[in-house]
Amino acid sequence: MYLTIKETAEFLSVPESQIKMLIQQKRIRALFDGKEYLINKEQFATHLEQVEKYKKLYEEWLSEPIPEDIDVKDED
């Protein structure tokens, strides 16, 4: 499935200007059909999977309790 720049920006939740910049830098593959750039949606599947994976790992890290330090001495 192909998306326009505007649809891609909405899909990735980034500004259209960033999508245009990434196309110019050849970091996003795009086809120019004579009027507009068309971007294959499937090229983002791996990226989105990795983002979800790292979000989950970050959530787990945040929910991990802070261990008590065995070197702490009561100074009272």
N, C-alpha and C. Protein backbone atom coordinates (compact mmCIF):
# COMPACT_ATOMS: atom_id res chain seq x y z
N MET A 1 0.84 -1.17 0.00
CA MET A 1 0.00 0.00 0.00
C MET A 1 0.89 1.25 0.00
N TYR A 2 0.56 2.19 -0.85
CA TYR A 2 1.34 3.40 -0.95
C TYR A 2 0.60 4.57 -0.29
N LEU A 3 1.39 5.44 0.34
CA LEU A 3 0.85 6.61 1.04
C LEU A 3 1.46 7.87 0.45
N THR A 4 0.73 8.96 0.54
CA THR A 4 1.28 10.26 0.16
C THR A 4 2.13 10.78 1.33
N ILE A 5 2.78 11.89 1.13
CA ILE A 5 3.60 12.48 2.20
C ILE A 5 2.72 12.84 3.39
N LYS A 6 1.56 13.42 3.12
CA LYS A 6 0.65 13.81 4.20
C LYS A 6 0.17 12.58 4.98
N GLU A 7 -0.21 11.52 4.28
CA GLU A 7 -0.68 10.29 4.95
C GLU A 7 0.45 9.64 5.74
N THR A 8 1.65 9.67 5.20
CA THR A 8 2.80 9.10 5.90
C THR A 8 3.10 9.88 7.17
N ALA A 9 3.02 11.19 7.10
CA ALA A 9 3.25 12.03 8.28
C ALA A 9 2.23 11.72 9.37
N GLU A 10 0.98 11.55 8.99
CA GLU A 10 -0.06 11.19 9.97
C GLU A 10 0.18 9.80 10.53
N PHE A 11 0.57 8.86 9.68
CA PHE A 11 0.82 7.48 10.10
C PHE A 11 1.96 7.40 11.11
N LEU A 12 3.02 8.19 10.89
CA LEU A 12 4.19 8.16 11.77
C LEU A 12 4.14 9.22 12.87
N SER A 13 3.13 10.07 12.84
CA SER A 13 2.97 11.16 13.83
C SER A 13 4.17 12.11 13.83
N VAL A 14 4.57 12.50 12.65
CA VAL A 14 5.65 13.48 12.50
C VAL A 14 5.20 14.55 11.50
N PRO A 15 5.85 15.72 11.49
CA PRO A 15 5.48 16.76 10.53
C PRO A 15 5.81 16.37 9.08
N GLU A 16 5.04 16.91 8.15
CA GLU A 16 5.28 16.63 6.73
C GLU A 16 6.67 17.08 6.30
N SER A 17 7.16 18.17 6.87
CA SER A 17 8.49 18.67 6.51
C SER A 17 9.58 17.65 6.84
N GLN A 18 9.38 16.90 7.92
CA GLN A 18 10.38 15.88 8.28
C GLN A 18 10.35 14.72 7.28
N ILE A 19 9.18 14.35 6.82
CA ILE A 19 9.07 13.29 5.82
C ILE A 19 9.76 13.73 4.53
N LYS A 20 9.52 14.97 4.10
CA LYS A 20 10.17 15.50 2.89
C LYS A 20 11.69 15.49 3.04
N MET A 21 12.17 15.88 4.23
CA MET A 21 13.60 15.90 4.47
C MET A 21 14.18 14.49 4.41
N LEU A 22 13.49 13.52 4.99
CA LEU A 22 13.96 12.14 4.98
C LEU A 22 13.97 11.56 3.57
N ILE A 23 13.02 11.97 2.73
CA ILE A 23 13.02 11.53 1.33
C ILE A 23 14.22 12.12 0.61
N GLN A 24 14.50 13.41 0.83
CA GLN A 24 15.65 14.05 0.18
C GLN A 24 16.96 13.42 0.62
N GLN A 25 17.04 13.01 1.89
CA GLN A 25 18.24 12.37 2.41
C GLN A 25 18.32 10.89 2.04
N LYS A 26 17.29 10.41 1.34
CA LYS A 26 17.19 9.00 0.91
C LYS A 26 17.14 8.03 2.08
N ARG A 27 16.57 8.50 3.20
CA ARG A 27 16.39 7.63 4.36
C ARG A 27 15.02 6.95 4.31
N ILE A 28 14.12 7.49 3.47
CA ILE A 28 12.82 6.88 3.19
C ILE A 28 12.77 6.67 1.68
N ARG A 29 12.42 5.46 1.28
CA ARG A 29 12.28 5.18 -0.16
C ARG A 29 10.93 5.71 -0.64
N ALA A 30 10.94 6.40 -1.76
CA ALA A 30 9.70 6.97 -2.30
C ALA A 30 9.74 6.95 -3.83
N LEU A 31 8.56 6.89 -4.41
CA LEU A 31 8.41 6.95 -5.86
C LEU A 31 7.76 8.28 -6.22
N PHE A 32 8.20 8.89 -7.29
CA PHE A 32 7.59 10.13 -7.75
C PHE A 32 6.77 9.78 -8.99
N ASP A 33 5.45 9.99 -8.93
CA ASP A 33 4.57 9.60 -10.04
C ASP A 33 4.30 10.74 -11.01
N GLY A 34 5.04 11.82 -10.93
CA GLY A 34 4.83 12.96 -11.80
C GLY A 34 4.15 14.12 -11.09
N LYS A 35 3.34 13.81 -10.07
CA LYS A 35 2.66 14.86 -9.29
C LYS A 35 3.14 14.89 -7.86
N GLU A 36 3.27 13.71 -7.25
CA GLU A 36 3.61 13.65 -5.83
C GLU A 36 4.43 12.41 -5.52
N TYR A 37 5.02 12.40 -4.35
CA TYR A 37 5.78 11.25 -3.90
C TYR A 37 4.84 10.23 -3.29
N LEU A 38 5.08 8.96 -3.59
CA LEU A 38 4.33 7.86 -3.00
C LEU A 38 5.31 7.01 -2.20
N ILE A 39 4.91 6.66 -0.99
CA ILE A 39 5.80 5.96 -0.06
C ILE A 39 5.17 4.64 0.31
N ASN A 40 5.93 3.57 0.20
CA ASN A 40 5.43 2.24 0.55
C ASN A 40 5.35 2.12 2.07
N LYS A 41 4.16 1.79 2.55
CA LYS A 41 3.90 1.72 3.99
C LYS A 41 4.67 0.58 4.66
N GLU A 42 4.94 -0.49 3.93
CA GLU A 42 5.58 -1.68 4.51
C GLU A 42 7.01 -1.43 4.98
N GLN A 43 7.68 -0.41 4.47
CA GLN A 43 9.05 -0.15 4.88
C GLN A 43 9.15 0.30 6.34
N PHE A 44 8.03 0.68 6.94
CA PHE A 44 8.02 1.14 8.32
C PHE A 44 7.65 0.04 9.32
N ALA A 45 7.30 -1.14 8.84
CA ALA A 45 6.85 -2.22 9.72
C ALA A 45 7.92 -2.59 10.76
N THR A 46 9.14 -2.80 10.33
CA THR A 46 10.21 -3.16 11.26
C THR A 46 10.48 -2.03 12.25
N HIS A 47 10.49 -0.82 11.77
CA HIS A 47 10.72 0.33 12.64
C HIS A 47 9.65 0.41 13.73
N LEU A 48 8.40 0.27 13.35
CA LEU A 48 7.32 0.37 14.33
C LEU A 48 7.35 -0.78 15.34
N GLU A 49 7.74 -1.97 14.87
CA GLU A 49 7.89 -3.11 15.79
C GLU A 49 8.98 -2.83 16.82
N GLN A 50 10.10 -2.28 16.38
CA GLN A 50 11.19 -1.97 17.29
C GLN A 50 10.80 -0.88 18.28
N VAL A 51 10.06 0.12 17.82
CA VAL A 51 9.60 1.18 18.73
C VAL A 51 8.72 0.59 19.81
N GLU A 52 7.80 -0.29 19.44
CA GLU A 52 6.92 -0.92 20.42
C GLU A 52 7.72 -1.78 21.41
N LYS A 53 8.72 -2.48 20.90
CA LYS A 53 9.56 -3.31 21.75
C LYS A 53 10.29 -2.46 22.79
N TYR A 54 10.86 -1.35 22.34
CA TYR A 54 11.60 -0.48 23.27
C TYR A 54 10.68 0.24 24.24
N LYS A 55 9.47 0.55 23.81
CA LYS A 55 8.49 1.14 24.74
C LYS A 55 8.18 0.16 25.86
N LYS A 56 7.99 -1.12 25.50
CA LYS A 56 7.69 -2.14 26.49
C LYS A 56 8.85 -2.33 27.46
N LEU A 57 10.07 -2.38 26.92
CA LEU A 57 11.25 -2.52 27.78
C LEU A 57 11.40 -1.33 28.72
N TYR A 58 11.11 -0.14 28.24
CA TYR A 58 11.20 1.07 29.06
C TYR A 58 10.15 1.04 30.17
N GLU A 59 8.94 0.61 29.83
CA GLU A 59 7.87 0.49 30.83
C GLU A 59 8.27 -0.50 31.93
N GLU A 60 8.86 -1.63 31.53
CA GLU A 60 9.32 -2.62 32.51
C GLU A 60 10.41 -2.03 33.39
N TRP A 61 11.32 -1.30 32.80
CA TRP A 61 12.41 -0.69 33.55
C TRP A 61 11.87 0.32 34.56
N LEU A 62 10.87 1.11 34.15
CA LEU A 62 10.29 2.10 35.05
C LEU A 62 9.52 1.45 36.21
N SER A 63 8.92 0.30 35.97
CA SER A 63 8.11 -0.34 37.00
C SER A 63 8.96 -1.19 37.95
N GLU A 64 10.24 -1.35 37.64
CA GLU A 64 11.12 -2.15 38.50
C GLU A 64 11.41 -1.38 39.79
N PRO A 65 11.23 -2.04 40.95
CA PRO A 65 11.47 -1.34 42.21
C PRO A 65 12.95 -1.01 42.41
N ILE A 66 13.20 0.04 43.14
CA ILE A 66 14.57 0.45 43.43
C ILE A 66 15.08 -0.42 44.58
N PRO A 67 16.19 -1.12 44.38
CA PRO A 67 16.69 -1.98 45.45
C PRO A 67 17.27 -1.15 46.60
N GLU A 68 17.15 -1.71 47.78
CA GLU A 68 17.73 -1.02 48.93
C GLU A 68 19.23 -1.19 48.90
N ASP A 69 19.93 -0.14 49.26
CA ASP A 69 21.37 -0.17 49.27
C ASP A 69 21.83 -0.80 50.58
N ILE A 70 22.62 -1.86 50.50
CA ILE A 70 23.04 -2.54 51.72
C ILE A 70 24.11 -1.75 52.49
N ASP A 71 24.71 -0.76 51.84
CA ASP A 71 25.75 0.02 52.48
C ASP A 71 25.21 1.23 53.27
N VAL A 72 23.91 1.45 53.21
CA VAL A 72 23.33 2.59 53.91
C VAL A 72 23.29 2.28 55.40
N LYS A 73 23.83 3.20 56.20
CA LYS A 73 23.86 3.00 57.65
C LYS A 73 22.98 4.05 58.30
N ASP A 74 22.31 3.67 59.32
CA ASP A 74 21.49 4.61 60.07
C ASP A 74 22.38 5.47 60.93
N GLU A 75 22.37 6.76 60.72
CA GLU A 75 23.29 7.66 61.40
C GLU A 75 22.70 8.24 62.68
N ASP A 76 21.52 7.81 63.09
CA ASP A 76 20.91 8.37 64.31
C ASP A 76 21.56 7.90 65.53
